[in-house]
N, C-alpha and C. Protein backbone atom coordinates (compact mmCIF):
# COMPACT_ATOMS: atom_id res chain seq x y z
N UNK A 1 100.10 78.69 99.20
CA UNK A 1 101.00 79.76 98.87
C UNK A 1 102.41 79.23 98.65
N UNK A 2 102.80 78.22 99.44
CA UNK A 2 104.12 77.66 99.31
C UNK A 2 104.31 76.94 97.98
N UNK A 3 103.19 76.49 97.36
CA UNK A 3 103.27 75.77 96.10
C UNK A 3 103.32 76.69 94.89
N UNK A 4 103.04 77.95 95.08
CA UNK A 4 103.12 78.87 93.96
C UNK A 4 104.57 79.09 93.57
N UNK A 5 104.80 79.16 92.29
CA UNK A 5 106.16 79.40 91.83
C UNK A 5 106.58 80.82 92.17
N UNK A 6 107.87 81.04 92.19
CA UNK A 6 108.41 82.36 92.47
C UNK A 6 107.89 83.36 91.44
N UNK A 7 107.83 82.93 90.20
CA UNK A 7 107.35 83.81 89.13
C UNK A 7 105.88 84.21 89.36
N UNK A 8 105.07 83.24 89.78
CA UNK A 8 103.65 83.54 90.05
C UNK A 8 103.53 84.51 91.21
N UNK A 9 104.30 84.28 92.27
CA UNK A 9 104.26 85.18 93.42
C UNK A 9 104.67 86.59 93.03
N UNK A 10 105.69 86.71 92.20
CA UNK A 10 106.16 88.04 91.82
C UNK A 10 105.15 88.78 90.97
N UNK A 11 104.20 88.06 90.37
CA UNK A 11 103.15 88.72 89.60
C UNK A 11 101.90 88.99 90.44
N UNK A 12 101.52 88.03 91.28
CA UNK A 12 100.27 88.15 92.04
C UNK A 12 100.39 89.15 93.18
N UNK A 13 101.44 89.07 93.96
CA UNK A 13 101.52 89.89 95.16
C UNK A 13 101.59 91.39 94.87
N UNK A 14 102.38 91.84 93.92
CA UNK A 14 102.33 93.29 93.60
C UNK A 14 100.96 93.71 93.06
N UNK A 15 100.32 92.81 92.31
CA UNK A 15 98.98 93.12 91.80
C UNK A 15 98.01 93.32 92.96
N UNK A 16 98.05 92.43 93.96
CA UNK A 16 97.18 92.58 95.12
C UNK A 16 97.46 93.87 95.88
N UNK A 17 98.72 94.19 96.03
CA UNK A 17 99.07 95.44 96.73
C UNK A 17 98.53 96.65 95.98
N UNK A 18 98.59 96.62 94.66
CA UNK A 18 98.05 97.73 93.88
C UNK A 18 96.52 97.76 93.95
N UNK A 19 95.89 96.59 93.90
CA UNK A 19 94.43 96.54 93.97
C UNK A 19 93.91 96.96 95.33
N UNK A 20 94.73 96.81 96.37
CA UNK A 20 94.30 97.24 97.71
C UNK A 20 94.22 98.77 97.81
N UNK A 21 94.69 99.46 96.78
CA UNK A 21 94.62 100.93 96.72
C UNK A 21 93.58 101.41 95.70
N UNK A 22 92.86 100.47 95.09
CA UNK A 22 91.90 100.81 94.05
C UNK A 22 90.77 101.69 94.59
N UNK A 23 90.18 102.48 93.72
CA UNK A 23 89.10 103.37 94.15
C UNK A 23 87.76 102.64 94.27
N UNK A 24 87.62 101.50 93.62
CA UNK A 24 86.39 100.72 93.70
C UNK A 24 86.39 99.93 95.02
N UNK A 25 85.40 100.17 95.89
CA UNK A 25 85.38 99.49 97.20
C UNK A 25 85.33 97.96 97.11
N UNK A 26 84.63 97.42 96.11
CA UNK A 26 84.55 95.96 95.97
C UNK A 26 85.92 95.36 95.65
N UNK A 27 86.62 96.00 94.75
CA UNK A 27 87.96 95.52 94.38
C UNK A 27 88.91 95.68 95.55
N UNK A 28 88.85 96.84 96.19
CA UNK A 28 89.73 97.11 97.33
C UNK A 28 89.49 96.11 98.45
N UNK A 29 88.23 95.86 98.82
CA UNK A 29 87.96 94.95 99.93
C UNK A 29 88.35 93.51 99.58
N UNK A 30 88.16 93.11 98.33
CA UNK A 30 88.57 91.76 97.91
C UNK A 30 90.08 91.60 97.96
N UNK A 31 90.80 92.61 97.51
CA UNK A 31 92.27 92.55 97.54
C UNK A 31 92.78 92.52 98.98
N UNK A 32 92.16 93.31 99.85
CA UNK A 32 92.58 93.34 101.25
C UNK A 32 92.28 92.01 101.92
N UNK A 33 91.13 91.42 101.62
CA UNK A 33 90.80 90.10 102.18
C UNK A 33 91.80 89.05 101.70
N UNK A 34 92.18 89.12 100.44
CA UNK A 34 93.16 88.17 99.90
C UNK A 34 94.52 88.36 100.58
N UNK A 35 94.91 89.59 100.84
CA UNK A 35 96.15 89.83 101.58
C UNK A 35 96.05 89.22 102.97
N UNK A 36 94.86 89.30 103.58
CA UNK A 36 94.65 88.70 104.89
C UNK A 36 94.77 87.19 104.85
N UNK A 37 94.28 86.59 103.76
CA UNK A 37 94.40 85.13 103.60
C UNK A 37 95.86 84.76 103.39
N UNK A 38 96.55 85.50 102.52
CA UNK A 38 97.96 85.21 102.27
C UNK A 38 98.80 85.37 103.53
N UNK A 39 98.41 86.29 104.38
CA UNK A 39 99.19 86.52 105.59
C UNK A 39 99.12 85.35 106.57
N UNK A 40 98.16 84.45 106.37
CA UNK A 40 98.06 83.28 107.23
C UNK A 40 99.10 82.21 106.89
N UNK A 41 99.69 82.34 105.72
CA UNK A 41 100.71 81.37 105.33
C UNK A 41 102.05 81.77 105.89
N UNK A 42 102.93 80.82 105.95
CA UNK A 42 104.26 81.07 106.51
C UNK A 42 104.94 82.23 105.80
N UNK A 43 105.61 83.04 106.56
CA UNK A 43 106.29 84.19 105.98
C UNK A 43 107.49 83.77 105.14
N UNK A 44 107.83 82.49 105.17
CA UNK A 44 108.90 82.01 104.31
C UNK A 44 108.52 82.19 102.85
N UNK A 45 107.20 82.32 102.60
CA UNK A 45 106.71 82.53 101.24
C UNK A 45 106.91 83.96 100.77
N UNK A 46 107.18 84.87 101.69
CA UNK A 46 107.18 86.29 101.36
C UNK A 46 108.52 86.93 101.64
N UNK A 47 108.74 88.03 100.95
CA UNK A 47 109.92 88.84 101.22
C UNK A 47 109.59 89.82 102.33
N UNK A 48 110.62 90.39 102.93
CA UNK A 48 110.41 91.39 103.97
C UNK A 48 109.64 92.59 103.44
N UNK A 49 109.92 92.95 102.21
CA UNK A 49 109.24 94.08 101.59
C UNK A 49 107.75 93.81 101.47
N UNK A 50 107.38 92.58 101.07
CA UNK A 50 105.96 92.26 100.95
C UNK A 50 105.27 92.38 102.30
N UNK A 51 105.90 91.91 103.36
CA UNK A 51 105.28 91.96 104.69
C UNK A 51 104.98 93.41 105.08
N UNK A 52 105.94 94.28 104.88
CA UNK A 52 105.73 95.70 105.21
C UNK A 52 104.67 96.33 104.30
N UNK A 53 104.71 96.01 103.00
CA UNK A 53 103.74 96.55 102.06
C UNK A 53 102.33 96.05 102.38
N UNK A 54 102.21 94.76 102.72
CA UNK A 54 100.90 94.20 103.06
C UNK A 54 100.37 94.85 104.33
N UNK A 55 101.25 95.10 105.27
CA UNK A 55 100.86 95.77 106.51
C UNK A 55 100.28 97.15 106.19
N UNK A 56 100.93 97.89 105.35
CA UNK A 56 100.45 99.22 104.97
C UNK A 56 99.14 99.11 104.18
N UNK A 57 99.08 98.16 103.24
CA UNK A 57 97.87 97.99 102.43
C UNK A 57 96.66 97.64 103.27
N UNK A 58 96.85 96.74 104.22
CA UNK A 58 95.74 96.32 105.08
C UNK A 58 95.33 97.46 106.02
N UNK A 59 96.29 98.11 106.63
CA UNK A 59 95.95 99.17 107.59
C UNK A 59 95.32 100.38 106.91
N UNK A 60 95.65 100.64 105.66
CA UNK A 60 95.00 101.73 104.94
C UNK A 60 93.51 101.47 104.78
N UNK A 61 93.12 100.21 104.72
CA UNK A 61 91.71 99.86 104.62
C UNK A 61 90.92 100.13 105.89
N UNK A 62 91.61 100.33 107.01
CA UNK A 62 90.93 100.61 108.27
C UNK A 62 90.59 102.08 108.46
N UNK A 63 91.00 102.91 107.54
CA UNK A 63 90.72 104.34 107.63
C UNK A 63 89.21 104.57 107.63
N UNK A 64 88.74 105.42 108.51
CA UNK A 64 87.30 105.68 108.63
C UNK A 64 86.69 106.30 107.37
N UNK A 65 87.53 106.80 106.48
CA UNK A 65 87.03 107.36 105.23
C UNK A 65 86.63 106.26 104.25
N UNK A 66 87.04 105.03 104.53
CA UNK A 66 86.74 103.91 103.65
C UNK A 66 85.29 103.46 103.84
N UNK A 67 84.77 102.79 102.83
CA UNK A 67 83.43 102.21 102.90
C UNK A 67 83.43 101.13 103.98
N UNK A 68 82.29 100.91 104.61
CA UNK A 68 82.19 99.94 105.71
C UNK A 68 82.67 98.55 105.28
N UNK A 69 82.30 98.11 104.07
CA UNK A 69 82.71 96.78 103.61
C UNK A 69 84.24 96.66 103.55
N UNK A 70 84.91 97.71 103.17
CA UNK A 70 86.38 97.70 103.12
C UNK A 70 86.95 97.62 104.53
N UNK A 71 86.37 98.38 105.46
CA UNK A 71 86.86 98.38 106.84
C UNK A 71 86.65 97.01 107.50
N UNK A 72 85.53 96.37 107.20
CA UNK A 72 85.27 95.04 107.77
C UNK A 72 86.32 94.05 107.27
N UNK A 73 86.59 94.06 105.98
CA UNK A 73 87.60 93.14 105.42
C UNK A 73 88.99 93.47 105.95
N UNK A 74 89.28 94.76 106.08
CA UNK A 74 90.60 95.16 106.59
C UNK A 74 90.78 94.75 108.05
N UNK A 75 89.73 94.85 108.85
CA UNK A 75 89.87 94.46 110.26
C UNK A 75 90.05 92.95 110.37
N UNK A 76 89.35 92.20 109.54
CA UNK A 76 89.52 90.74 109.52
C UNK A 76 90.95 90.41 109.09
N UNK A 77 91.44 91.10 108.08
CA UNK A 77 92.78 90.84 107.56
C UNK A 77 93.88 91.22 108.56
N UNK A 78 93.71 92.35 109.26
CA UNK A 78 94.71 92.74 110.25
C UNK A 78 94.68 91.75 111.42
N UNK A 79 93.51 91.22 111.74
CA UNK A 79 93.43 90.18 112.76
C UNK A 79 94.19 88.93 112.34
N UNK A 80 94.03 88.52 111.08
CA UNK A 80 94.76 87.36 110.58
C UNK A 80 96.26 87.60 110.56
N UNK A 81 96.64 88.78 110.10
CA UNK A 81 98.06 89.09 110.02
C UNK A 81 98.70 89.06 111.41
N UNK A 82 98.03 89.63 112.39
CA UNK A 82 98.60 89.64 113.75
C UNK A 82 98.51 88.26 114.40
N UNK A 83 97.48 87.46 114.05
CA UNK A 83 97.44 86.07 114.52
C UNK A 83 98.68 85.34 114.03
N UNK A 84 99.02 85.56 112.77
CA UNK A 84 100.20 84.91 112.20
C UNK A 84 101.48 85.35 112.89
N UNK A 85 101.52 86.60 113.33
CA UNK A 85 102.72 87.09 114.02
C UNK A 85 103.01 86.29 115.29
N UNK A 86 101.95 85.85 115.97
CA UNK A 86 102.21 85.16 117.24
C UNK A 86 102.12 83.64 117.14
N UNK A 87 101.51 83.10 116.07
CA UNK A 87 101.32 81.65 116.01
C UNK A 87 102.21 80.93 115.01
N UNK A 88 102.57 81.56 113.92
CA UNK A 88 103.31 80.90 112.85
C UNK A 88 104.80 81.13 113.04
N UNK A 89 105.56 80.05 113.08
CA UNK A 89 107.00 80.16 113.30
C UNK A 89 107.68 81.01 112.24
N UNK A 90 107.23 80.91 111.00
CA UNK A 90 107.82 81.73 109.94
C UNK A 90 107.60 83.22 110.17
N UNK A 91 106.41 83.56 110.67
CA UNK A 91 106.12 84.96 110.96
C UNK A 91 106.87 85.43 112.18
N UNK A 92 107.03 84.54 113.18
CA UNK A 92 107.75 84.94 114.39
C UNK A 92 109.14 85.43 114.05
N UNK A 93 109.73 84.83 113.03
CA UNK A 93 111.05 85.28 112.60
C UNK A 93 111.00 86.68 111.99
N UNK A 94 109.83 87.09 111.51
CA UNK A 94 109.68 88.40 110.87
C UNK A 94 109.30 89.50 111.86
N UNK A 95 108.86 89.13 113.07
CA UNK A 95 108.49 90.15 114.06
C UNK A 95 109.65 91.12 114.30
N UNK A 96 110.88 90.61 114.46
CA UNK A 96 112.00 91.56 114.66
C UNK A 96 112.18 92.54 113.50
N UNK A 97 111.76 92.17 112.30
CA UNK A 97 111.84 93.09 111.17
C UNK A 97 111.07 94.36 111.48
N UNK A 98 109.84 94.21 111.98
CA UNK A 98 109.03 95.38 112.31
C UNK A 98 109.65 96.15 113.48
N UNK A 99 110.14 95.42 114.47
CA UNK A 99 110.68 96.08 115.66
C UNK A 99 112.04 96.70 115.40
N UNK A 100 112.88 96.02 114.64
CA UNK A 100 114.18 96.61 114.31
C UNK A 100 113.99 97.88 113.50
N UNK A 101 112.95 97.89 112.68
CA UNK A 101 112.68 99.09 111.89
C UNK A 101 112.42 100.27 112.81
N UNK A 102 111.71 100.04 113.91
CA UNK A 102 111.44 101.12 114.85
C UNK A 102 112.72 101.58 115.52
N UNK A 103 113.55 100.63 115.94
CA UNK A 103 114.80 100.98 116.60
C UNK A 103 115.69 101.78 115.66
N UNK A 104 115.76 101.36 114.42
CA UNK A 104 116.56 102.10 113.44
C UNK A 104 116.00 103.50 113.26
N UNK A 105 114.68 103.64 113.23
CA UNK A 105 114.06 104.94 113.00
C UNK A 105 114.25 105.87 114.19
N UNK A 106 114.33 105.33 115.40
CA UNK A 106 114.56 106.17 116.56
C UNK A 106 115.91 106.85 116.44
N UNK A 107 116.86 106.14 115.84
CA UNK A 107 118.17 106.70 115.61
C UNK A 107 118.17 107.64 114.42
N UNK A 108 117.05 107.73 113.73
CA UNK A 108 116.90 108.67 112.63
C UNK A 108 117.44 108.19 111.31
N UNK A 109 117.62 106.89 111.12
CA UNK A 109 118.21 106.42 109.87
C UNK A 109 117.19 105.93 108.85
N UNK A 110 115.97 105.62 109.26
CA UNK A 110 114.98 105.13 108.31
C UNK A 110 113.57 105.35 108.84
N UNK A 111 112.82 106.21 108.17
CA UNK A 111 111.48 106.56 108.65
C UNK A 111 110.36 105.74 108.06
N UNK A 112 110.53 105.22 106.87
CA UNK A 112 109.44 104.53 106.18
C UNK A 112 108.91 103.35 106.99
N UNK A 113 109.79 102.56 107.55
CA UNK A 113 109.36 101.39 108.29
C UNK A 113 108.69 101.76 109.61
N UNK A 114 109.06 102.86 110.19
CA UNK A 114 108.38 103.33 111.41
C UNK A 114 106.93 103.63 111.07
N UNK A 115 106.72 104.25 109.94
CA UNK A 115 105.35 104.58 109.56
C UNK A 115 104.51 103.32 109.40
N UNK A 116 105.07 102.24 108.88
CA UNK A 116 104.32 101.00 108.73
C UNK A 116 103.94 100.44 110.09
N UNK A 117 104.88 100.41 111.01
CA UNK A 117 104.59 99.86 112.34
C UNK A 117 103.62 100.75 113.09
N UNK A 118 103.87 102.03 113.08
CA UNK A 118 103.00 102.96 113.78
C UNK A 118 101.61 102.97 113.16
N UNK A 119 101.54 102.86 111.85
CA UNK A 119 100.24 102.79 111.17
C UNK A 119 99.46 101.57 111.63
N UNK A 120 100.14 100.48 111.85
CA UNK A 120 99.47 99.27 112.32
C UNK A 120 98.82 99.50 113.68
N UNK A 121 99.57 100.02 114.63
CA UNK A 121 99.02 100.28 115.96
C UNK A 121 97.93 101.34 115.93
N UNK A 122 98.16 102.43 115.21
CA UNK A 122 97.17 103.50 115.17
C UNK A 122 95.90 103.08 114.45
N UNK A 123 96.04 102.28 113.40
CA UNK A 123 94.86 101.81 112.67
C UNK A 123 94.02 100.88 113.53
N UNK A 124 94.67 100.02 114.27
CA UNK A 124 93.93 99.14 115.18
C UNK A 124 93.21 99.98 116.23
N UNK A 125 93.87 100.99 116.72
CA UNK A 125 93.27 101.89 117.71
C UNK A 125 92.02 102.57 117.14
N UNK A 126 92.09 103.05 115.92
CA UNK A 126 90.94 103.68 115.27
C UNK A 126 89.83 102.66 115.04
N UNK A 127 90.19 101.46 114.61
CA UNK A 127 89.19 100.42 114.34
C UNK A 127 88.46 99.99 115.61
N UNK A 128 89.08 100.16 116.75
CA UNK A 128 88.43 99.81 118.02
C UNK A 128 87.27 100.73 118.35
N UNK A 129 87.13 101.83 117.64
CA UNK A 129 86.03 102.78 117.83
C UNK A 129 84.98 102.66 116.73
N UNK A 130 85.16 101.73 115.81
CA UNK A 130 84.29 101.60 114.65
C UNK A 130 83.04 100.77 114.99
N UNK A 131 82.31 100.34 113.99
CA UNK A 131 81.12 99.51 114.20
C UNK A 131 81.53 98.14 114.76
N UNK A 132 80.55 97.40 115.27
CA UNK A 132 80.82 96.13 115.95
C UNK A 132 81.59 95.12 115.10
N UNK A 133 81.24 95.00 113.83
CA UNK A 133 81.91 94.01 112.96
C UNK A 133 83.39 94.34 112.76
N UNK A 134 83.72 95.59 112.86
CA UNK A 134 85.12 96.00 112.75
C UNK A 134 85.81 95.87 114.10
N UNK A 135 85.11 96.26 115.15
CA UNK A 135 85.69 96.25 116.50
C UNK A 135 86.21 94.89 116.93
N UNK A 136 85.42 93.84 116.72
CA UNK A 136 85.80 92.53 117.27
C UNK A 136 87.13 92.05 116.70
N UNK A 137 87.37 92.28 115.42
CA UNK A 137 88.65 91.90 114.84
C UNK A 137 89.76 92.86 115.25
N UNK A 138 89.39 94.11 115.49
CA UNK A 138 90.38 95.07 115.99
C UNK A 138 90.83 94.67 117.39
N UNK A 139 89.91 94.18 118.22
CA UNK A 139 90.28 93.71 119.55
C UNK A 139 91.23 92.52 119.45
N UNK A 140 90.93 91.61 118.52
CA UNK A 140 91.81 90.45 118.32
C UNK A 140 93.20 90.92 117.91
N UNK A 141 93.26 91.85 116.98
CA UNK A 141 94.55 92.38 116.52
C UNK A 141 95.28 93.09 117.65
N UNK A 142 94.54 93.87 118.44
CA UNK A 142 95.16 94.59 119.55
C UNK A 142 95.78 93.62 120.55
N UNK A 143 95.06 92.56 120.88
CA UNK A 143 95.61 91.56 121.80
C UNK A 143 96.86 90.91 121.26
N UNK A 144 96.85 90.59 119.98
CA UNK A 144 98.03 89.98 119.36
C UNK A 144 99.21 90.95 119.38
N UNK A 145 98.95 92.21 119.08
CA UNK A 145 100.03 93.20 119.10
C UNK A 145 100.58 93.41 120.50
N UNK A 146 99.72 93.34 121.50
CA UNK A 146 100.20 93.47 122.88
C UNK A 146 101.04 92.27 123.28
N UNK A 147 100.71 91.09 122.75
CA UNK A 147 101.46 89.88 123.11
C UNK A 147 102.86 89.85 122.50
N UNK A 148 103.07 90.54 121.40
CA UNK A 148 104.40 90.49 120.77
C UNK A 148 105.25 91.73 121.05
N UNK A 149 104.77 92.59 121.94
CA UNK A 149 105.55 93.79 122.27
C UNK A 149 106.87 93.44 122.95
N UNK A 150 107.89 94.17 122.58
CA UNK A 150 109.16 94.08 123.30
C UNK A 150 109.28 95.34 124.17
N UNK A 151 110.22 95.34 125.08
CA UNK A 151 110.40 96.49 125.96
C UNK A 151 110.72 97.76 125.17
N UNK A 152 111.56 97.63 124.15
CA UNK A 152 111.94 98.80 123.36
C UNK A 152 110.75 99.40 122.63
N UNK A 153 109.95 98.54 122.03
CA UNK A 153 108.78 99.02 121.29
C UNK A 153 107.76 99.61 122.24
N UNK A 154 107.59 98.97 123.38
CA UNK A 154 106.65 99.49 124.37
C UNK A 154 107.05 100.91 124.78
N UNK A 155 108.31 101.10 125.08
CA UNK A 155 108.76 102.42 125.51
C UNK A 155 108.60 103.45 124.39
N UNK A 156 108.91 103.06 123.17
CA UNK A 156 108.77 103.97 122.04
C UNK A 156 107.30 104.37 121.86
N UNK A 157 106.41 103.38 121.82
CA UNK A 157 105.00 103.68 121.60
C UNK A 157 104.37 104.40 122.79
N UNK A 158 104.84 104.10 123.99
CA UNK A 158 104.29 104.74 125.18
C UNK A 158 104.76 106.19 125.26
N UNK A 159 106.04 106.38 125.13
CA UNK A 159 106.61 107.72 125.31
C UNK A 159 106.27 108.65 124.15
N UNK A 160 106.34 108.14 122.94
CA UNK A 160 106.18 109.01 121.78
C UNK A 160 104.72 109.22 121.37
N UNK A 161 103.90 108.20 121.57
CA UNK A 161 102.58 108.29 120.97
C UNK A 161 101.43 107.93 121.91
N UNK A 162 101.69 107.35 123.05
CA UNK A 162 100.63 106.97 123.98
C UNK A 162 99.69 105.91 123.45
N UNK A 163 100.11 105.19 122.42
CA UNK A 163 99.24 104.23 121.76
C UNK A 163 98.88 103.05 122.67
N UNK A 164 99.84 102.53 123.40
CA UNK A 164 99.61 101.35 124.22
C UNK A 164 98.57 101.63 125.31
N UNK A 165 98.68 102.75 125.98
CA UNK A 165 97.72 103.09 127.03
C UNK A 165 96.31 103.24 126.45
N UNK A 166 96.22 103.85 125.28
CA UNK A 166 94.91 104.02 124.65
C UNK A 166 94.29 102.68 124.28
N UNK A 167 95.11 101.76 123.74
CA UNK A 167 94.60 100.44 123.39
C UNK A 167 94.12 99.71 124.64
N UNK A 168 94.93 99.70 125.69
CA UNK A 168 94.54 99.02 126.93
C UNK A 168 93.29 99.64 127.55
N UNK A 169 93.18 100.94 127.49
CA UNK A 169 92.01 101.64 128.02
C UNK A 169 90.75 101.24 127.27
N UNK A 170 90.83 101.17 125.96
CA UNK A 170 89.66 100.79 125.16
C UNK A 170 89.29 99.33 125.40
N UNK A 171 90.28 98.46 125.58
CA UNK A 171 89.98 97.06 125.88
C UNK A 171 89.28 96.93 127.22
N UNK A 172 89.80 97.61 128.22
CA UNK A 172 89.21 97.54 129.56
C UNK A 172 87.80 98.13 129.56
N UNK A 173 87.58 99.20 128.82
CA UNK A 173 86.27 99.84 128.76
C UNK A 173 85.22 98.94 128.10
N UNK A 174 85.63 98.21 127.08
CA UNK A 174 84.68 97.42 126.29
C UNK A 174 84.28 96.11 126.96
N UNK A 175 85.04 95.65 127.94
CA UNK A 175 84.74 94.38 128.58
C UNK A 175 83.33 94.36 129.17
N UNK A 176 82.85 95.49 129.65
CA UNK A 176 81.54 95.55 130.31
C UNK A 176 80.39 95.93 129.40
N UNK A 177 80.66 96.31 128.17
CA UNK A 177 79.59 96.72 127.26
C UNK A 177 79.80 96.07 125.90
N UNK A 178 78.80 96.15 125.04
CA UNK A 178 78.96 95.65 123.69
C UNK A 178 78.54 94.20 123.54
N UNK A 179 78.73 93.70 122.33
CA UNK A 179 78.32 92.33 122.05
C UNK A 179 79.28 91.33 122.70
N UNK A 180 78.78 90.14 122.92
CA UNK A 180 79.56 89.13 123.64
C UNK A 180 80.85 88.76 122.91
N UNK A 181 80.82 88.66 121.60
CA UNK A 181 82.03 88.31 120.85
C UNK A 181 83.13 89.34 121.10
N UNK A 182 82.76 90.61 121.14
CA UNK A 182 83.73 91.66 121.43
C UNK A 182 84.27 91.56 122.84
N UNK A 183 83.40 91.24 123.80
CA UNK A 183 83.84 91.08 125.18
C UNK A 183 84.83 89.94 125.33
N UNK A 184 84.53 88.84 124.65
CA UNK A 184 85.44 87.67 124.71
C UNK A 184 86.80 88.03 124.12
N UNK A 185 86.80 88.73 123.00
CA UNK A 185 88.07 89.14 122.38
C UNK A 185 88.86 90.04 123.33
N UNK A 186 88.17 90.94 124.02
CA UNK A 186 88.84 91.82 124.98
C UNK A 186 89.46 91.02 126.12
N UNK A 187 88.71 90.06 126.63
CA UNK A 187 89.24 89.23 127.72
C UNK A 187 90.44 88.42 127.26
N UNK A 188 90.38 87.89 126.05
CA UNK A 188 91.52 87.14 125.52
C UNK A 188 92.75 88.03 125.36
N UNK A 189 92.53 89.29 125.02
CA UNK A 189 93.64 90.23 124.86
C UNK A 189 94.37 90.45 126.18
N UNK A 190 93.61 90.50 127.25
CA UNK A 190 94.18 90.85 128.54
C UNK A 190 94.76 89.66 129.29
N UNK A 191 94.61 88.45 128.74
CA UNK A 191 95.19 87.26 129.40
C UNK A 191 96.68 87.18 129.20
């Protein structure tokens, strides 16, 4: 991704974002998977707008109204995106972008970015109730999101939406049931 020219990136990335909204499930799932692959690269390759747009594009694929193949690719992609948030130095610099957006929105100055962040948490929460192939990556994403929480975001999500408690409850519940891969992901989340 770092070797692509700026001109190539400006053509490919908007195309992928548009294809992630396509009505054809094969096209949509392929575009979402590609966004998940791109999210593994350093965020120095991307603009802040792309990161927020990719977040929305990927999380829209987790909607239960989507075809199973789309949801599987979206859960894998959200897992990759959140892995990058905690492991890649370039992405770590972008974590405050998502969190500052929430702080700004609490003050009532910008709502769009709150929806992207909240959509990420809520989509992961919904995916944790889906089929096994979706759940295991949702657990991975949930653990990553819990690891990068700040006090301000925790209080916002806890007080306003109860999302954090629901995620922790589902992780704790799943440790004793389900497939082993899902159990391992749950245990890793709680470490």
